[in-house]
Amino acid sequence: MSKWSHDNVLDGTLDIITGNADQEQFCSQQPATFYEAVDPAAWQVSQAYALGAAVRPVTRNNFVYECTKAGTSGASEPT
């Protein structure tokens, strides 16, 4: 059996998401991996990172790194 929701419910939900989100990701097809769907910003020199922040390496390697200790990044990218 299929599920049905009134258009007002769907539009209202989208309005809440777009009104409160700081990023939107649109895909032309279903992403193959979580990394492909999220694609966070690249790591930066002397950048303040909050606990839980996600970054990718400057040279992409299909990994996303999560900040486990808040602070400022160093002069060179971690290996």
PDB file of N, CA and C in Angstrom:
ATOM      1  N   MET A   1       0.842  -1.171   0.000  1.00  0.00           N
ATOM      2  CA  MET A   1       0.000   0.000   0.000  1.00  0.00           C
ATOM      3  C   MET A   1       0.889   1.236   0.000  1.00  0.00           C
ATOM      4  N   SER A   2       0.553   2.193  -0.833  1.00  0.00           N
ATOM      5  CA  SER A   2       1.360   3.406  -0.899  1.00  0.00           C
ATOM      6  C   SER A   2       0.961   4.376   0.212  1.00  0.00           C
ATOM      7  N   LYS A   3       1.865   5.254   0.555  1.00  0.00           N
ATOM      8  CA  LYS A   3       1.626   6.271   1.584  1.00  0.00           C
ATOM      9  C   LYS A   3       1.288   7.584   0.887  1.00  0.00           C
ATOM     10  N   TRP A   4       0.483   8.413   1.547  1.00  0.00           N
ATOM     11  CA  TRP A   4       0.084   9.682   0.966  1.00  0.00           C
ATOM     12  C   TRP A   4       0.141  10.766   2.025  1.00  0.00           C
ATOM     13  N   SER A   5       0.655  11.921   1.632  1.00  0.00           N
ATOM     14  CA  SER A   5       0.648  13.096   2.506  1.00  0.00           C
ATOM     15  C   SER A   5       0.143  14.276   1.696  1.00  0.00           C
ATOM     16  N   HIS A   6      -0.631  15.131   2.337  1.00  0.00           N
ATOM     17  CA  HIS A   6      -1.134  16.325   1.673  1.00  0.00           C
ATOM     18  C   HIS A   6       0.035  17.226   1.291  1.00  0.00           C
ATOM     19  N   ASP A   7      -0.092  17.934   0.167  1.00  0.00           N
ATOM     20  CA  ASP A   7       0.974  18.822  -0.292  1.00  0.00           C
ATOM     21  C   ASP A   7       1.362  19.871   0.750  1.00  0.00           C
ATOM     22  N   ASN A   8       0.409  20.342   1.548  1.00  0.00           N
ATOM     23  CA  ASN A   8       0.721  21.333   2.586  1.00  0.00           C
ATOM     24  C   ASN A   8       1.692  20.782   3.623  1.00  0.00           C
ATOM     25  N   VAL A   9       1.581  19.502   3.924  1.00  0.00           N
ATOM     26  CA  VAL A   9       2.500  18.867   4.883  1.00  0.00           C
ATOM     27  C   VAL A   9       3.902  18.843   4.294  1.00  0.00           C
ATOM     28  N   LEU A  10       4.016  18.419   3.050  1.00  0.00           N
ATOM     29  CA  LEU A  10       5.332  18.344   2.406  1.00  0.00           C
ATOM     30  C   LEU A  10       5.944  19.738   2.237  1.00  0.00           C
ATOM     31  N   ASP A  11       5.137  20.695   1.778  1.00  0.00           N
ATOM     32  CA  ASP A  11       5.647  22.054   1.594  1.00  0.00           C
ATOM     33  C   ASP A  11       6.029  22.694   2.930  1.00  0.00           C
ATOM     34  N   GLY A  12       5.222  22.457   3.961  1.00  0.00           N
ATOM     35  CA  GLY A  12       5.528  22.999   5.280  1.00  0.00           C
ATOM     36  C   GLY A  12       6.820  22.443   5.841  1.00  0.00           C
ATOM     37  N   THR A  13       7.022  21.148   5.654  1.00  0.00           N
ATOM     38  CA  THR A  13       8.265  20.518   6.105  1.00  0.00           C
ATOM     39  C   THR A  13       9.463  21.104   5.383  1.00  0.00           C
ATOM     40  N   LEU A  14       9.342  21.274   4.076  1.00  0.00           N
ATOM     41  CA  LEU A  14      10.436  21.860   3.305  1.00  0.00           C
ATOM     42  C   LEU A  14      10.716  23.290   3.751  1.00  0.00           C
ATOM     43  N   ASP A  15       9.671  24.056   4.048  1.00  0.00           N
ATOM     44  CA  ASP A  15       9.858  25.426   4.543  1.00  0.00           C
ATOM     45  C   ASP A  15      10.619  25.440   5.868  1.00  0.00           C
ATOM     46  N   ILE A  16      10.325  24.503   6.756  1.00  0.00           N
ATOM     47  CA  ILE A  16      11.029  24.418   8.040  1.00  0.00           C
ATOM     48  C   ILE A  16      12.494  24.090   7.819  1.00  0.00           C
ATOM     49  N   ILE A  17      12.752  23.134   6.943  1.00  0.00           N
ATOM     50  CA  ILE A  17      14.135  22.730   6.665  1.00  0.00           C
ATOM     51  C   ILE A  17      14.913  23.887   6.059  1.00  0.00           C
ATOM     52  N   THR A  18      14.374  24.511   5.024  1.00  0.00           N
ATOM     53  CA  THR A  18      15.109  25.584   4.356  1.00  0.00           C
ATOM     54  C   THR A  18      15.217  26.833   5.223  1.00  0.00           C
ATOM     55  N   GLY A  19      14.279  27.035   6.140  1.00  0.00           N
ATOM     56  CA  GLY A  19      14.344  28.193   7.020  1.00  0.00           C
ATOM     57  C   GLY A  19      15.325  28.035   8.161  1.00  0.00           C
ATOM     58  N   ASN A  20      15.721  26.801   8.472  1.00  0.00           N
ATOM     59  CA  ASN A  20      16.593  26.553   9.621  1.00  0.00           C
ATOM     60  C   ASN A  20      17.941  25.947   9.256  1.00  0.00           C
ATOM     61  N   ALA A  21      18.100  25.473   8.056  1.00  0.00           N
ATOM     62  CA  ALA A  21      19.355  24.825   7.650  1.00  0.00           C
ATOM     63  C   ALA A  21      20.347  25.876   7.164  1.00  0.00           C
ATOM     64  N   ASP A  22      21.638  25.610   7.351  1.00  0.00           N
ATOM     65  CA  ASP A  22      22.649  26.524   6.833  1.00  0.00           C
ATOM     66  C   ASP A  22      23.277  25.992   5.541  1.00  0.00           C
ATOM     67  N   GLN A  23      22.866  24.807   5.114  1.00  0.00           N
ATOM     68  CA  GLN A  23      23.345  24.224   3.858  1.00  0.00           C
ATOM     69  C   GLN A  23      22.239  23.392   3.246  1.00  0.00           C
ATOM     70  N   GLU A  24      22.230  23.345   1.920  1.00  0.00           N
ATOM     71  CA  GLU A  24      21.343  22.437   1.208  1.00  0.00           C
ATOM     72  C   GLU A  24      22.181  21.702   0.186  1.00  0.00           C
ATOM     73  N   GLN A  25      21.969  20.434   0.066  1.00  0.00           N
ATOM     74  CA  GLN A  25      22.664  19.624  -0.924  1.00  0.00           C
ATOM     75  C   GLN A  25      21.631  19.038  -1.864  1.00  0.00           C
ATOM     76  N   PHE A  26      21.801  19.263  -3.151  1.00  0.00           N
ATOM     77  CA  PHE A  26      20.903  18.696  -4.143  1.00  0.00           C
ATOM     78  C   PHE A  26      21.689  17.728  -5.003  1.00  0.00           C
ATOM     79  N   CYS A  27      21.124  16.585  -5.262  1.00  0.00           N
ATOM     80  CA  CYS A  27      21.790  15.539  -6.029  1.00  0.00           C
ATOM     81  C   CYS A  27      20.974  15.212  -7.276  1.00  0.00           C
ATOM     82  N   SER A  28      21.654  14.961  -8.366  1.00  0.00           N
ATOM     83  CA  SER A  28      20.954  14.576  -9.586  1.00  0.00           C
ATOM     84  C   SER A  28      20.557  13.102  -9.549  1.00  0.00           C
ATOM     85  N   GLN A  29      21.173  12.365  -8.639  1.00  0.00           N
ATOM     86  CA  GLN A  29      20.826  10.955  -8.433  1.00  0.00           C
ATOM     87  C   GLN A  29      21.205  10.584  -7.012  1.00  0.00           C
ATOM     88  N   GLN A  30      20.820   9.421  -6.560  1.00  0.00           N
ATOM     89  CA  GLN A  30      21.139   9.005  -5.197  1.00  0.00           C
ATOM     90  C   GLN A  30      22.649   8.877  -5.028  1.00  0.00           C
ATOM     91  N   PRO A  31      23.226   9.496  -3.976  1.00  0.00           N
ATOM     92  CA  PRO A  31      24.667   9.394  -3.755  1.00  0.00           C
ATOM     93  C   PRO A  31      25.084   7.948  -3.496  1.00  0.00           C
ATOM     94  N   ALA A  32      26.267   7.606  -3.965  1.00  0.00           N
ATOM     95  CA  ALA A  32      26.776   6.245  -3.773  1.00  0.00           C
ATOM     96  C   ALA A  32      27.337   6.052  -2.371  1.00  0.00           C
ATOM     97  N   THR A  33      27.844   7.133  -1.773  1.00  0.00           N
ATOM     98  CA  THR A  33      28.435   7.047  -0.438  1.00  0.00           C
ATOM     99  C   THR A  33      27.986   8.235   0.401  1.00  0.00           C
ATOM    100  N   PHE A  34      28.150   8.122   1.718  1.00  0.00           N
ATOM    101  CA  PHE A  34      27.863   9.230   2.629  1.00  0.00           C
ATOM    102  C   PHE A  34      28.752  10.422   2.275  1.00  0.00           C
ATOM    103  N   TYR A  35      30.013  10.167   1.985  1.00  0.00           N
ATOM    104  CA  TYR A  35      30.963  11.223   1.645  1.00  0.00           C
ATOM    105  C   TYR A  35      30.480  12.014   0.439  1.00  0.00           C
ATOM    106  N   GLU A  36      29.996  11.314  -0.559  1.00  0.00           N
ATOM    107  CA  GLU A  36      29.509  11.960  -1.770  1.00  0.00           C
ATOM    108  C   GLU A  36      28.310  12.857  -1.457  1.00  0.00           C
ATOM    109  N   ALA A  37      27.478  12.442  -0.517  1.00  0.00           N
ATOM    110  CA  ALA A  37      26.290  13.216  -0.158  1.00  0.00           C
ATOM    111  C   ALA A  37      26.635  14.447   0.679  1.00  0.00           C
ATOM    112  N   VAL A  38      27.597  14.342   1.571  1.00  0.00           N
ATOM    113  CA  VAL A  38      27.900  15.415   2.509  1.00  0.00           C
ATOM    114  C   VAL A  38      28.893  16.423   1.939  1.00  0.00           C
ATOM    115  N   ASP A  39      30.014  15.954   1.440  1.00  0.00           N
ATOM    116  CA  ASP A  39      31.079  16.773   0.855  1.00  0.00           C
ATOM    117  C   ASP A  39      31.347  18.052   1.644  1.00  0.00           C
ATOM    118  N   PRO A  40      31.923  17.928   2.843  1.00  0.00           N
ATOM    119  CA  PRO A  40      32.216  19.115   3.651  1.00  0.00           C
ATOM    120  C   PRO A  40      33.353  19.942   3.051  1.00  0.00           C
ATOM    121  N   ALA A  41      33.575  21.098   3.619  1.00  0.00           N
ATOM    122  CA  ALA A  41      34.639  21.991   3.164  1.00  0.00           C
ATOM    123  C   ALA A  41      35.999  21.358   3.392  1.00  0.00           C
ATOM    124  N   ALA A  42      36.981  21.799   2.620  1.00  0.00           N
ATOM    125  CA  ALA A  42      38.351  21.298   2.755  1.00  0.00           C
ATOM    126  C   ALA A  42      38.998  21.860   4.022  1.00  0.00           C
ATOM    127  N   TRP A  43      39.917  21.095   4.594  1.00  0.00           N
ATOM    128  CA  TRP A  43      40.687  21.508   5.759  1.00  0.00           C
ATOM    129  C   TRP A  43      41.431  22.799   5.422  1.00  0.00           C
ATOM    130  N   GLN A  44      41.593  23.702   6.428  1.00  0.00           N
ATOM    131  CA  GLN A  44      42.288  24.968   6.215  1.00  0.00           C
ATOM    132  C   GLN A  44      43.322  25.214   7.304  1.00  0.00           C
ATOM    133  N   VAL A  45      44.364  25.933   6.950  1.00  0.00           N
ATOM    134  CA  VAL A  45      45.422  26.331   7.877  1.00  0.00           C
ATOM    135  C   VAL A  45      44.870  27.359   8.870  1.00  0.00           C
ATOM    136  N   SER A  46      45.288  27.269  10.128  1.00  0.00           N
ATOM    137  CA  SER A  46      44.939  28.225  11.188  1.00  0.00           C
ATOM    138  C   SER A  46      43.443  28.534  11.241  1.00  0.00           C
ATOM    139  N   GLN A  47      42.650  27.505  11.149  1.00  0.00           N
ATOM    140  CA  GLN A  47      41.190  27.628  11.169  1.00  0.00           C
ATOM    141  C   GLN A  47      40.667  27.116  12.504  1.00  0.00           C
ATOM    142  N   ALA A  48      39.741  27.853  13.120  1.00  0.00           N
ATOM    143  CA  ALA A  48      39.113  27.396  14.358  1.00  0.00           C
ATOM    144  C   ALA A  48      38.063  26.348  14.003  1.00  0.00           C
ATOM    145  N   TYR A  49      38.148  25.190  14.647  1.00  0.00           N
ATOM    146  CA  TYR A  49      37.191  24.109  14.424  1.00  0.00           C
ATOM    147  C   TYR A  49      36.502  23.755  15.740  1.00  0.00           C
ATOM    148  N   ALA A  50      35.190  23.646  15.675  1.00  0.00           N
ATOM    149  CA  ALA A  50      34.404  23.262  16.845  1.00  0.00           C
ATOM    150  C   ALA A  50      34.369  21.744  16.967  1.00  0.00           C
ATOM    151  N   LEU A  51      34.138  21.273  18.158  1.00  0.00           N
ATOM    152  CA  LEU A  51      33.987  19.844  18.390  1.00  0.00           C
ATOM    153  C   LEU A  51      32.887  19.294  17.481  1.00  0.00           C
ATOM    154  N   GLY A  52      33.193  18.250  16.767  1.00  0.00           N
ATOM    155  CA  GLY A  52      32.225  17.619  15.871  1.00  0.00           C
ATOM    156  C   GLY A  52      32.232  18.154  14.450  1.00  0.00           C
ATOM    157  N   ALA A  53      33.014  19.214  14.181  1.00  0.00           N
ATOM    158  CA  ALA A  53      33.078  19.762  12.823  1.00  0.00           C
ATOM    159  C   ALA A  53      33.625  18.706  11.860  1.00  0.00           C
ATOM    160  N   ALA A  54      33.101  18.692  10.648  1.00  0.00           N
ATOM    161  CA  ALA A  54      33.554  17.739   9.634  1.00  0.00           C
ATOM    162  C   ALA A  54      34.291  18.483   8.537  1.00  0.00           C
ATOM    163  N   VAL A  55      35.427  17.950   8.123  1.00  0.00           N
ATOM    164  CA  VAL A  55      36.207  18.507   7.017  1.00  0.00           C
ATOM    165  C   VAL A  55      36.712  17.364   6.164  1.00  0.00           C
ATOM    166  N   ARG A  56      37.078  17.689   4.946  1.00  0.00           N
ATOM    167  CA  ARG A  56      37.706  16.700   4.067  1.00  0.00           C
ATOM    168  C   ARG A  56      39.146  17.145   3.839  1.00  0.00           C
ATOM    169  N   PRO A  57      40.012  16.220   3.465  1.00  0.00           N
ATOM    170  CA  PRO A  57      41.386  16.631   3.169  1.00  0.00           C
ATOM    171  C   PRO A  57      41.418  17.489   1.903  1.00  0.00           C
ATOM    172  N   VAL A  58      42.452  18.320   1.785  1.00  0.00           N
ATOM    173  CA  VAL A  58      42.602  19.186   0.615  1.00  0.00           C
ATOM    174  C   VAL A  58      42.667  18.317  -0.646  1.00  0.00           C
ATOM    175  N   THR A  59      43.475  17.272  -0.601  1.00  0.00           N
ATOM    176  CA  THR A  59      43.517  16.300  -1.692  1.00  0.00           C
ATOM    177  C   THR A  59      42.517  15.212  -1.343  1.00  0.00           C
ATOM    178  N   ARG A  60      41.444  15.150  -2.087  1.00  0.00           N
ATOM    179  CA  ARG A  60      40.350  14.219  -1.778  1.00  0.00           C
ATOM    180  C   ARG A  60      40.835  12.770  -1.736  1.00  0.00           C
ATOM    181  N   ASN A  61      40.333  12.043  -0.716  1.00  0.00           N
ATOM    182  CA  ASN A  61      40.675  10.620  -0.598  1.00  0.00           C
ATOM    183  C   ASN A  61      39.462   9.791  -0.141  1.00  0.00           C
ATOM    184  N   ASN A  62      38.264  10.347  -0.327  1.00  0.00           N
ATOM    185  CA  ASN A  62      37.004   9.698   0.052  1.00  0.00           C
ATOM    186  C   ASN A  62      36.816   9.551   1.558  1.00  0.00           C
ATOM    187  N   PHE A  63      37.557  10.322   2.352  1.00  0.00           N
ATOM    188  CA  PHE A  63      37.375  10.327   3.793  1.00  0.00           C
ATOM    189  C   PHE A  63      36.832  11.669   4.242  1.00  0.00           C
ATOM    190  N   VAL A  64      36.100  11.659   5.327  1.00  0.00           N
ATOM    191  CA  VAL A  64      35.650  12.869   6.006  1.00  0.00           C
ATOM    192  C   VAL A  64      36.182  12.769   7.420  1.00  0.00           C
ATOM    193  N   TYR A  65      36.797  13.843   7.906  1.00  0.00           N
ATOM    194  CA  TYR A  65      37.386  13.832   9.234  1.00  0.00           C
ATOM    195  C   TYR A  65      36.534  14.655  10.188  1.00  0.00           C
ATOM    196  N   GLU A  66      36.378  14.163  11.417  1.00  0.00           N
ATOM    197  CA  GLU A  66      35.578  14.831  12.433  1.00  0.00           C
ATOM    198  C   GLU A  66      36.495  15.358  13.524  1.00  0.00           C
ATOM    199  N   CYS A  67      36.268  16.607  13.926  1.00  0.00           N
ATOM    200  CA  CYS A  67      37.053  17.230  14.981  1.00  0.00           C
ATOM    201  C   CYS A  67      36.690  16.595  16.322  1.00  0.00           C
ATOM    202  N   THR A  68      37.684  16.048  17.010  1.00  0.00           N
ATOM    203  CA  THR A  68      37.448  15.405  18.301  1.00  0.00           C
ATOM    204  C   THR A  68      37.910  16.266  19.473  1.00  0.00           C
ATOM    205  N   LYS A  69      38.592  17.371  19.164  1.00  0.00           N
ATOM    206  CA  LYS A  69      39.018  18.320  20.196  1.00  0.00           C
ATOM    207  C   LYS A  69      38.973  19.714  19.581  1.00  0.00           C
ATOM    208  N   ALA A  70      38.090  20.563  20.101  1.00  0.00           N
ATOM    209  CA  ALA A  70      37.946  21.909  19.550  1.00  0.00           C
ATOM    210  C   ALA A  70      39.244  22.680  19.656  1.00  0.00           C
ATOM    211  N   GLY A  71      39.506  23.530  18.666  1.00  0.00           N
ATOM    212  CA  GLY A  71      40.714  24.345  18.677  1.00  0.00           C
ATOM    213  C   GLY A  71      41.023  24.876  17.295  1.00  0.00           C
ATOM    214  N   THR A  72      42.262  25.350  17.130  1.00  0.00           N
ATOM    215  CA  THR A  72      42.703  25.944  15.874  1.00  0.00           C
ATOM    216  C   THR A  72      43.668  24.989  15.185  1.00  0.00           C
ATOM    217  N   SER A  73      43.470  24.820  13.887  1.00  0.00           N
ATOM    218  CA  SER A  73      44.339  23.915  13.124  1.00  0.00           C
ATOM    219  C   SER A  73      45.733  24.496  13.006  1.00  0.00           C
ATOM    220  N   GLY A  74      46.688  23.643  12.727  1.00  0.00           N
ATOM    221  CA  GLY A  74      48.081  24.038  12.619  1.00  0.00           C
ATOM    222  C   GLY A  74      48.461  24.570  11.248  1.00  0.00           C
ATOM    223  N   ALA A  75      49.770  24.629  11.007  1.00  0.00           N
ATOM    224  CA  ALA A  75      50.295  25.169   9.762  1.00  0.00           C
ATOM    225  C   ALA A  75      50.275  24.163   8.627  1.00  0.00           C
ATOM    226  N   SER A  76      50.167  22.872   8.947  1.00  0.00           N
ATOM    227  CA  SER A  76      50.142  21.866   7.887  1.00  0.00           C
ATOM    228  C   SER A  76      49.029  20.861   8.149  1.00  0.00           C
ATOM    229  N   GLU A  77      48.479  20.348   7.079  1.00  0.00           N
ATOM    230  CA  GLU A  77      47.378  19.395   7.164  1.00  0.00           C
ATOM    231  C   GLU A  77      47.834  18.101   7.828  1.00  0.00           C
ATOM    232  N   PRO A  78      47.034  17.556   8.713  1.00  0.00           N
ATOM    233  CA  PRO A  78      47.396  16.273   9.332  1.00  0.00           C
ATOM    234  C   PRO A  78      47.526  15.168   8.274  1.00  0.00           C
ATOM    235  N   THR A  79      48.363  14.200   8.556  1.00  0.00           N
ATOM    236  CA  THR A  79      48.540  13.098   7.595  1.00  0.00           C
ATOM    237  C   THR A  79      47.619  11.956   7.920  1.00  0.00           C
TER     238      THR A  79
END
